[in-house]
C-alpha atoms as a PDB file:
ATOM      1  CA  MET A   1     -14.920  -2.606   0.060  1.00  0.00           C
ATOM      2  CA  ALA A   2     -12.888  -1.021  -2.447  1.00  0.00           C
ATOM      3  CA  PHE A   3     -10.012   1.461  -1.673  1.00  0.00           C
ATOM      4  CA  LYS A   4      -8.996   4.500  -3.369  1.00  0.00           C
ATOM      5  CA  VAL A   5      -5.690   5.772  -2.947  1.00  0.00           C
ATOM      6  CA  ILE A   6      -4.610   9.410  -4.474  1.00  0.00           C
ATOM      7  CA  THR A   7      -1.041  10.180  -4.330  1.00  0.00           C
ATOM      8  CA  ARG A   8       1.717  11.763  -5.936  1.00  0.00           C
ATOM      9  CA  THR A   9       4.710  10.810  -7.273  1.00  0.00           C
ATOM     10  CA  SER A  10       8.402  12.412  -7.968  1.00  0.00           C
ATOM     11  CA  TRP A  11       8.061  11.353 -11.741  1.00  0.00           C
ATOM     12  CA  ALA A  12       4.053  11.650 -12.283  1.00  0.00           C
ATOM     13  CA  PRO A  13       3.390  15.140 -12.925  1.00  0.00           C
ATOM     14  CA  ASN A  14      -0.445  14.889 -11.558  1.00  0.00           C
ATOM     15  CA  TYR A  15      -2.370  13.434  -8.755  1.00  0.00           C
ATOM     16  CA  LEU A  16      -2.907   9.239  -9.535  1.00  0.00           C
ATOM     17  CA  THR A  17      -5.499   7.655  -8.546  1.00  0.00           C
ATOM     18  CA  ILE A  18      -5.264   4.011  -7.551  1.00  0.00           C
ATOM     19  CA  GLU A  19      -8.617   1.363  -6.848  1.00  0.00           C
ATOM     20  CA  LEU A  20      -7.898  -0.920  -5.160  1.00  0.00           C
ATOM     21  CA  GLU A  21     -10.023  -4.407  -3.965  1.00  0.00           C
ATOM     22  CA  ASP A  22     -10.086  -5.400  -0.702  1.00  0.00           C
ATOM     23  CA  VAL A  23      -8.531  -9.087  -0.559  1.00  0.00           C
ATOM     24  CA  TYR A  24     -11.675  -9.536   2.344  1.00  0.00           C
ATOM     25  CA  ASN A  25     -13.465 -10.008  -1.161  1.00  0.00           C
ATOM     26  CA  ILE A  26     -11.443 -12.865  -1.950  1.00  0.00           C
ATOM     27  CA  PHE A  27      -9.783 -14.985   0.755  1.00  0.00           C
ATOM     28  CA  SER A  28     -12.855 -14.099   3.589  1.00  0.00           C
ATOM     29  CA  SER A  29      -9.961 -13.065   6.002  1.00  0.00           C
ATOM     30  CA  TYR A  30      -7.312 -10.619   6.506  1.00  0.00           C
ATOM     31  CA  PRO A  31      -4.275 -11.784   6.551  1.00  0.00           C
ATOM     32  CA  LEU A  32      -1.650 -10.846   9.430  1.00  0.00           C
ATOM     33  CA  VAL A  33       1.117  -9.376   8.550  1.00  0.00           C
ATOM     34  CA  SER A  34       4.493  -9.306  10.713  1.00  0.00           C
ATOM     35  CA  LYS A  35       6.856  -6.477  11.323  1.00  0.00           C
ATOM     36  CA  LYS A  36       9.457  -9.004  10.266  1.00  0.00           C
ATOM     37  CA  PHE A  37       7.658  -8.728   6.751  1.00  0.00           C
ATOM     38  CA  PHE A  38       8.604  -5.423   6.716  1.00  0.00           C
ATOM     39  CA  LYS A  39      11.634  -5.647   7.416  1.00  0.00           C
ATOM     40  CA  ASP A  40      12.875  -8.316   5.209  1.00  0.00           C
ATOM     41  CA  LEU A  41      10.944  -6.335   2.581  1.00  0.00           C
ATOM     42  CA  VAL A  42      13.746  -3.039   3.264  1.00  0.00           C
ATOM     43  CA  ASN A  43      16.633  -5.547   3.536  1.00  0.00           C
ATOM     44  CA  ASN A  44      15.628  -6.713  -0.079  1.00  0.00           C
ATOM     45  CA  ILE A  45      14.834  -3.733  -1.744  1.00  0.00           C
ATOM     46  CA  GLU A  46      18.114  -2.229  -0.611  1.00  0.00           C
ATOM     47  CA  ARG A  47      20.206  -5.355  -2.300  1.00  0.00           C
ATOM     48  CA  LYS A  48      21.940  -4.206  -6.052  1.00  0.00           C
ATOM     49  CA  ASN A  49      19.429  -3.814  -8.473  1.00  0.00           C
ATOM     50  CA  HIS A  50      16.158  -2.791  -6.185  1.00  0.00           C
ATOM     51  CA  TYR A  51      15.187   0.568  -5.263  1.00  0.00           C
ATOM     52  CA  TRP A  52      12.644   2.499  -3.322  1.00  0.00           C
ATOM     53  CA  ALA A  53      11.056   5.700  -2.879  1.00  0.00           C
ATOM     54  CA  GLU A  54       9.045   7.595  -0.931  1.00  0.00           C
ATOM     55  CA  ALA A  55       5.476   8.922  -2.214  1.00  0.00           C
ATOM     56  CA  GLY A  56       3.139  11.255  -0.852  1.00  0.00           C
ATOM     57  CA  PHE A  57      -0.311   9.916   0.167  1.00  0.00           C
ATOM     58  CA  GLN A  58      -3.117  12.523  -0.158  1.00  0.00           C
ATOM     59  CA  GLU A  59      -6.089  10.352   0.750  1.00  0.00           C
ATOM     60  CA  ILE A  60      -7.062   6.895   1.323  1.00  0.00           C
ATOM     61  CA  ILE A  61     -11.116   6.319   1.017  1.00  0.00           C
ATOM     62  CA  ALA A  62     -13.107   3.304   1.692  1.00  0.00           C
ATOM     63  CA  ASN A  63     -16.535   3.414   1.531  1.00  0.00           C
ATOM     64  CA  GLY A  64     -16.920   7.080   1.165  1.00  0.00           C
ATOM     65  CA  GLN A  65     -15.135   7.153   4.281  1.00  0.00           C
ATOM     66  CA  ARG A  66     -11.540   9.014   4.498  1.00  0.00           C
ATOM     67  CA  TYR A  67      -8.659   7.894   6.272  1.00  0.00           C
ATOM     68  CA  GLU A  68      -5.485   9.578   7.577  1.00  0.00           C
ATOM     69  CA  PRO A  69      -2.494   8.289   5.134  1.00  0.00           C
ATOM     70  CA  HIS A  70      -0.131   7.546   8.091  1.00  0.00           C
ATOM     71  CA  ASP A  71      -2.642   4.901   9.122  1.00  0.00           C
ATOM     72  CA  TRP A  72      -1.855   2.849   6.127  1.00  0.00           C
ATOM     73  CA  ILE A  73       1.357   1.393   4.191  1.00  0.00           C
ATOM     74  CA  PHE A  74       1.433   1.299   0.494  1.00  0.00           C
ATOM     75  CA  ILE A  75       3.585  -0.679  -1.526  1.00  0.00           C
ATOM     76  CA  TRP A  76       4.164  -0.187  -5.300  1.00  0.00           C
ATOM     77  CA  ALA A  77       6.293  -2.162  -7.221  1.00  0.00           C
ATOM     78  CA  ILE A  78       7.090  -4.226 -10.131  1.00  0.00           C
ATOM     79  CA  ASP A  79       8.451  -7.639 -10.383  1.00  0.00           C
ATOM     80  CA  PHE A  80      11.204  -9.455 -12.098  1.00  0.00           C
ATOM     81  CA  LYS A  81       8.541  -9.773 -14.740  1.00  0.00           C
ATOM     82  CA  ASP A  82       7.473  -6.204 -15.212  1.00  0.00           C
ATOM     83  CA  ARG A  83       4.461  -6.690 -13.641  1.00  0.00           C
ATOM     84  CA  LEU A  84       3.146  -3.862 -11.397  1.00  0.00           C
ATOM     85  CA  PHE A  85       1.036  -4.177  -8.612  1.00  0.00           C
ATOM     86  CA  TRP A  86       0.006  -1.958  -5.707  1.00  0.00           C
ATOM     87  CA  ILE A  87      -0.426  -3.614  -1.896  1.00  0.00           C
ATOM     88  CA  LEU A  88      -2.346  -1.267   0.831  1.00  0.00           C
ATOM     89  CA  PHE A  89      -1.718  -2.463   4.443  1.00  0.00           C
ATOM     90  CA  SER A  90      -4.291  -0.744   7.411  1.00  0.00           C
ATOM     91  CA  ARG A  91      -2.512   0.173  10.585  1.00  0.00           C
ATOM     92  CA  ALA A  92      -5.717   1.810  11.585  1.00  0.00           C
ATOM     93  CA  VAL A  93      -7.139   0.086  14.800  1.00  0.00           C
ATOM     94  CA  GLU A  94     -10.631   0.274  13.889  1.00  0.00           C
ATOM     95  CA  LEU A  95      -9.566  -1.478  10.079  1.00  0.00           C
ATOM     96  CA  GLY A  96      -8.122  -4.147  12.343  1.00  0.00           C
ATOM     97  CA  GLY A  97      -4.510  -3.113  11.947  1.00  0.00           C
ATOM     98  CA  ARG A  98      -2.442  -3.021  14.792  1.00  0.00           C
ATOM     99  CA  GLY A  99      -1.605   0.504  14.884  1.00  0.00           C
END
């Protein structure tokens, strides 16, 4: 399953469409990610030389089905080598999330 994320940011004049591969296709399972991961992530981002911003979700589409944006956490980041990456976490119970 591939995911399509349509979002709007303050730094881009138009909507952005990002297509993501399902991690299940690579690892044959989904990792369990705890709330501590997200708390640690926020704590690390709030340090010097890091920043975060909120972007407005418009749609999440998987297998032709549309999902509510509030059922997802979307991380858009650049690492220390200036590599851009995106991670989409499901909170949707029907997709294995914990709500």
